[in-house]
Amino acid sequence: MSEVLLGSALVAAGSFTALWLLSLPLKNSSIVDPFWGPGFALVAWAAYLLADDPGGRGLLVAVLVSVWALRLGLHLTIRNRGMGEDFRYQAFRRRWRGPYWIVSLFRVFLLQALLLWVVSLPVQVVMVDGGTPGVIGFIGVALWVVGFFFETVGDLQLVRFKRDPANQGKVMDRGLWGLTRHPNYFGDVTVWWGHFLVAVAGWGSAWTIIGPVVMSILLLRVSGVTLMEKSLVGRKPGYEEYAKRVSAFFPWPTKG
């Protein structure tokens, strides 16, 4: 197992370091965002190749991660195209007094590589355990399908909403956005709990639950829901009223 975990860590660190080197001449740390999803696929297949016998369960997890990663990577690449560096990284540049090039390596790129490695622990360990999916595994696939649906459809609905000039300045409260204020984040979290259920082989690998737990904390308390809510409340007309009617995270019928 140590060989797989170490190899995956080196792949994650190496790929994000290469991306950091590319960001320097571009002066754009935002290129790390579209790579977040594909980075998981890279680690998943690295672990698959390093393991002796990943079995059907390992292959299934690698495919599920790759489908999720490809969709997310394409979505963020298309969304961010031609937009320049994201405001978060611009603010980070202004706040940091030291040389940003070295700060961005550790505080942006390698930090994300570490988080990716931790979140993907179930994906790495399943390659060592191998075997075939059981009942819990099929429950995990069902959960993955639900999460992938919310994430994919939620993103598509928001893109179409923003493309309509008549919706400029309005709050998106239709479709899945009428059930949860963040269907994409809910879907992302659900997908990773699905990955965990497919990957876990028993009590011996139950410790990898740290992966979906960390992803849940990130999207609920750090870079997802909390950060987005702070940027919208008080700035987006009608958002506070929308927040009173619609669940923040878990899908639920609209109030009132």
Protein backbone atom coordinates (compact mmCIF):
# COMPACT_ATOMS: atom_id res chain seq x y z
CA MET A 1 0.00 0.00 0.00
CA SER A 2 2.84 2.39 0.83
CA GLU A 3 4.14 2.14 -2.75
CA VAL A 4 0.77 3.14 -4.18
CA LEU A 5 0.26 6.01 -1.72
CA LEU A 6 3.78 7.35 -2.22
CA GLY A 7 3.57 7.04 -5.99
CA SER A 8 0.23 8.84 -6.06
CA ALA A 9 1.64 11.60 -3.84
CA LEU A 10 4.57 12.09 -6.21
CA VAL A 11 2.23 12.23 -9.22
CA ALA A 12 0.02 14.82 -7.50
CA ALA A 13 2.96 16.96 -6.37
CA GLY A 14 4.74 16.68 -9.72
CA SER A 15 1.72 17.58 -11.83
CA PHE A 16 0.81 20.61 -9.70
CA THR A 17 4.43 21.78 -9.66
CA ALA A 18 4.49 21.60 -13.46
CA LEU A 19 1.27 23.59 -13.54
CA TRP A 20 2.84 26.17 -11.18
CA LEU A 21 5.79 26.58 -13.56
CA LEU A 22 3.32 27.26 -16.37
CA SER A 23 1.46 29.82 -14.24
CA LEU A 24 4.58 31.97 -13.76
CA PRO A 25 4.97 33.28 -17.34
CA LEU A 26 1.18 33.45 -17.68
CA LYS A 27 0.91 35.37 -14.38
CA ASN A 28 -2.30 33.48 -13.76
CA SER A 29 -2.78 31.16 -10.78
CA SER A 30 -6.35 30.45 -11.93
CA ILE A 31 -5.12 27.70 -14.21
CA VAL A 32 -5.05 25.51 -11.11
CA ASP A 33 -8.87 25.49 -10.93
CA PRO A 34 -9.68 23.57 -14.15
CA PHE A 35 -6.95 21.06 -13.24
CA TRP A 36 -8.55 20.19 -9.90
CA GLY A 37 -10.84 17.54 -11.43
CA PRO A 38 -8.37 16.03 -13.94
CA GLY A 39 -5.79 15.87 -11.16
CA PHE A 40 -7.98 13.30 -9.38
CA ALA A 41 -8.20 11.19 -12.53
CA LEU A 42 -4.41 11.34 -12.91
CA VAL A 43 -3.92 10.12 -9.33
CA ALA A 44 -6.58 7.42 -9.73
CA TRP A 45 -4.95 5.92 -12.81
CA ALA A 46 -1.47 6.25 -11.31
CA ALA A 47 -2.66 4.21 -8.32
CA TYR A 48 -4.34 1.73 -10.67
CA LEU A 49 -1.10 1.17 -12.57
CA LEU A 50 1.02 0.95 -9.43
CA ALA A 51 -1.22 -1.61 -7.70
CA ASP A 52 -0.71 -5.35 -8.23
CA ASP A 53 -4.38 -6.29 -8.71
CA PRO A 54 -6.95 -3.45 -8.57
CA GLY A 55 -9.71 -5.82 -9.67
CA GLY A 56 -13.14 -4.83 -10.94
CA ARG A 57 -13.71 -2.50 -8.02
CA GLY A 58 -10.54 -0.56 -8.71
CA LEU A 59 -11.39 -0.21 -12.38
CA LEU A 60 -14.93 0.93 -11.57
CA VAL A 61 -13.69 3.63 -9.19
CA ALA A 62 -11.09 4.83 -11.71
CA VAL A 63 -13.76 5.14 -14.41
CA LEU A 64 -16.21 6.96 -12.10
CA VAL A 65 -13.51 9.41 -11.00
CA SER A 66 -12.46 9.99 -14.62
CA VAL A 67 -16.01 10.74 -15.81
CA TRP A 68 -16.51 13.20 -12.95
CA ALA A 69 -13.06 14.75 -13.52
CA LEU A 70 -13.49 15.18 -17.26
CA ARG A 71 -16.86 16.87 -16.86
CA LEU A 72 -15.64 19.25 -14.16
CA GLY A 73 -12.40 20.06 -15.98
CA LEU A 74 -14.19 20.89 -19.24
CA HIS A 75 -16.82 22.96 -17.46
CA LEU A 76 -14.27 25.10 -15.60
CA THR A 77 -12.03 25.46 -18.66
CA ILE A 78 -14.91 26.74 -20.79
CA ARG A 79 -16.24 28.96 -18.00
CA ASN A 80 -12.87 30.57 -17.24
CA ARG A 81 -11.73 30.97 -20.84
CA GLY A 82 -10.58 34.53 -21.56
CA MET A 83 -11.43 35.78 -18.06
CA GLY A 84 -7.89 36.24 -16.76
CA GLU A 85 -6.86 35.52 -13.20
CA ASP A 86 -9.68 34.97 -10.72
CA PHE A 87 -10.32 37.75 -8.19
CA ARG A 88 -9.39 35.42 -5.30
CA TYR A 89 -5.83 35.01 -6.56
CA GLN A 90 -5.57 38.70 -7.44
CA ALA A 91 -6.52 39.56 -3.86
CA PHE A 92 -4.00 37.01 -2.61
CA ARG A 93 -1.28 38.70 -4.67
CA ARG A 94 -2.13 42.09 -3.13
CA ARG A 95 -2.23 40.81 0.44
CA TRP A 96 1.05 38.91 0.34
CA ARG A 97 4.10 41.11 0.79
CA GLY A 98 6.75 38.55 -0.12
CA PRO A 99 7.61 37.19 -3.58
CA TYR A 100 4.36 35.78 -4.89
CA TRP A 101 6.02 33.18 -7.12
CA ILE A 102 7.23 31.13 -4.16
CA VAL A 103 4.08 31.78 -2.13
CA SER A 104 1.88 30.52 -4.93
CA LEU A 105 3.88 27.30 -5.14
CA PHE A 106 3.17 26.34 -1.53
CA ARG A 107 -0.05 28.19 -0.69
CA VAL A 108 -1.89 27.54 -3.96
CA PHE A 109 -0.48 24.68 -6.02
CA LEU A 110 1.14 22.27 -3.56
CA LEU A 111 -1.61 22.90 -1.01
CA GLN A 112 -4.18 21.79 -3.58
CA ALA A 113 -2.00 18.79 -4.45
CA LEU A 114 -2.01 17.78 -0.77
CA LEU A 115 -5.77 18.23 -0.44
CA LEU A 116 -6.34 16.25 -3.63
CA TRP A 117 -4.16 13.41 -2.33
CA VAL A 118 -6.05 13.31 0.99
CA VAL A 119 -9.51 13.46 -0.61
CA SER A 120 -8.57 10.67 -3.04
CA LEU A 121 -7.37 8.26 -0.32
CA PRO A 122 -10.35 5.91 -0.86
CA VAL A 123 -9.57 5.86 -4.59
CA GLN A 124 -5.93 4.97 -3.92
CA VAL A 125 -6.58 2.32 -1.28
CA VAL A 126 -9.22 0.49 -3.34
CA MET A 127 -6.53 -0.22 -5.93
CA VAL A 128 -4.65 -2.18 -3.28
CA ASP A 129 -7.71 -3.97 -1.88
CA GLY A 130 -9.03 -4.95 -5.31
CA GLY A 131 -11.96 -7.34 -5.52
CA THR A 132 -15.40 -6.88 -7.01
CA PRO A 133 -18.11 -4.37 -6.00
CA GLY A 134 -20.56 -5.63 -3.37
CA VAL A 135 -23.94 -4.33 -2.25
CA ILE A 136 -22.39 -1.26 -0.61
CA GLY A 137 -20.50 -0.62 -3.83
CA PHE A 138 -23.69 -0.53 -5.87
CA ILE A 139 -25.25 1.82 -3.31
CA GLY A 140 -22.18 3.99 -3.84
CA VAL A 141 -22.72 3.98 -7.60
CA ALA A 142 -26.35 5.04 -7.09
CA LEU A 143 -25.20 7.86 -4.81
CA TRP A 144 -22.59 8.86 -7.40
CA VAL A 145 -25.29 9.06 -10.09
CA VAL A 146 -27.41 11.36 -7.90
CA GLY A 147 -24.44 13.60 -7.19
CA PHE A 148 -23.31 13.70 -10.80
CA PHE A 149 -26.84 14.61 -11.89
CA PHE A 150 -27.07 17.54 -9.47
CA GLU A 151 -23.61 18.82 -10.30
CA THR A 152 -23.94 18.52 -14.08
CA VAL A 153 -27.53 19.71 -14.47
CA GLY A 154 -27.02 22.48 -11.90
CA ASP A 155 -24.03 23.86 -13.80
CA LEU A 156 -25.85 23.64 -17.16
CA GLN A 157 -28.91 25.42 -15.78
CA LEU A 158 -26.78 28.24 -14.38
CA VAL A 159 -24.84 28.65 -17.63
CA ARG A 160 -28.07 28.93 -19.64
CA PHE A 161 -29.53 31.36 -17.11
CA LYS A 162 -26.50 33.66 -17.32
CA ARG A 163 -26.47 33.59 -21.12
CA ASP A 164 -29.93 35.19 -21.25
CA PRO A 165 -29.53 39.01 -21.11
CA ALA A 166 -32.97 39.26 -19.53
CA ASN A 167 -31.58 37.56 -16.40
CA GLN A 168 -28.77 40.06 -15.81
CA GLY A 169 -28.68 41.02 -12.14
CA LYS A 170 -31.28 38.40 -11.20
CA VAL A 171 -30.92 35.48 -8.82
CA MET A 172 -31.06 32.00 -10.31
CA ASP A 173 -33.89 30.22 -8.47
CA ARG A 174 -35.17 27.83 -11.12
CA GLY A 175 -34.74 24.09 -11.63
CA LEU A 176 -32.37 22.51 -9.14
CA TRP A 177 -31.51 26.00 -7.88
CA GLY A 178 -35.03 26.11 -6.47
CA LEU A 179 -34.25 23.08 -4.29
CA THR A 180 -30.78 24.06 -3.07
CA ARG A 181 -28.76 27.25 -3.38
CA HIS A 182 -25.71 25.19 -4.33
CA PRO A 183 -26.69 22.09 -6.38
CA ASN A 184 -23.18 21.91 -7.83
CA TYR A 185 -21.54 21.72 -4.40
CA PHE A 186 -24.17 19.28 -3.11
CA GLY A 187 -23.52 17.13 -6.16
CA ASP A 188 -19.75 17.27 -5.70
CA VAL A 189 -19.94 16.16 -2.08
CA THR A 190 -22.41 13.39 -2.93
CA VAL A 191 -20.17 12.11 -5.74
CA TRP A 192 -17.26 11.75 -3.35
CA TRP A 193 -19.31 9.90 -0.76
CA GLY A 194 -20.30 7.63 -3.64
CA HIS A 195 -16.64 7.07 -4.51
CA PHE A 196 -15.98 6.15 -0.90
CA LEU A 197 -18.79 3.60 -0.71
CA VAL A 198 -17.64 1.93 -3.93
CA ALA A 199 -14.04 1.91 -2.71
CA VAL A 200 -14.40 0.77 0.89
CA ALA A 201 -13.81 -2.98 1.26
CA GLY A 202 -14.49 -3.32 4.99
CA TRP A 203 -13.29 -2.06 8.33
CA GLY A 204 -9.70 -2.30 7.16
CA SER A 205 -10.17 0.54 4.68
CA ALA A 206 -12.90 2.45 6.55
CA TRP A 207 -10.26 4.94 7.71
CA THR A 208 -10.25 6.40 4.17
CA ILE A 209 -13.53 8.08 5.12
CA ILE A 210 -11.22 11.03 5.80
CA GLY A 211 -11.37 11.66 2.02
CA PRO A 212 -15.07 12.50 1.64
CA VAL A 213 -15.07 14.18 5.05
CA VAL A 214 -12.33 16.60 3.95
CA MET A 215 -14.13 17.26 0.65
CA SER A 216 -17.35 17.97 2.57
CA ILE A 217 -15.58 20.40 4.90
CA LEU A 218 -13.90 22.16 1.99
CA LEU A 219 -17.14 22.68 0.07
CA LEU A 220 -19.32 23.47 3.08
CA ARG A 221 -17.01 25.52 5.28
CA VAL A 222 -13.97 26.69 3.32
CA SER A 223 -13.94 27.32 -0.43
CA GLY A 224 -17.49 26.39 -1.40
CA VAL A 225 -20.78 27.36 0.19
CA THR A 226 -19.39 29.70 2.88
CA LEU A 227 -17.17 31.68 0.49
CA MET A 228 -19.88 31.94 -2.16
CA GLU A 229 -22.53 33.04 0.33
CA LYS A 230 -20.25 35.79 1.66
CA SER A 231 -19.73 37.13 -1.86
CA LEU A 232 -23.45 37.12 -2.70
CA VAL A 233 -25.27 38.23 0.45
CA GLY A 234 -25.56 42.01 0.44
CA ARG A 235 -24.11 42.27 -3.07
CA LYS A 236 -26.67 40.42 -5.17
CA PRO A 237 -30.12 42.07 -5.12
CA GLY A 238 -32.76 39.59 -4.01
CA TYR A 239 -30.29 37.02 -2.73
CA GLU A 240 -31.21 37.41 0.94
CA GLU A 241 -34.87 36.77 0.15
CA TYR A 242 -33.83 33.79 -1.98
CA ALA A 243 -31.72 32.45 0.91
CA LYS A 244 -34.77 32.54 3.21
CA ARG A 245 -36.79 30.39 0.80
CA VAL A 246 -34.27 27.87 -0.49
CA SER A 247 -32.13 25.37 1.41
CA ALA A 248 -28.43 26.26 1.56
CA PHE A 249 -27.13 22.81 0.70
CA PHE A 250 -29.38 19.76 0.92
CA PRO A 251 -32.20 19.76 -1.69
CA TRP A 252 -35.52 20.65 -0.14
CA PRO A 253 -38.84 22.05 -1.42
CA THR A 254 -38.97 25.85 -1.52
CA LYS A 255 -40.40 27.54 1.58
CA GLY A 256 -43.48 29.69 1.19
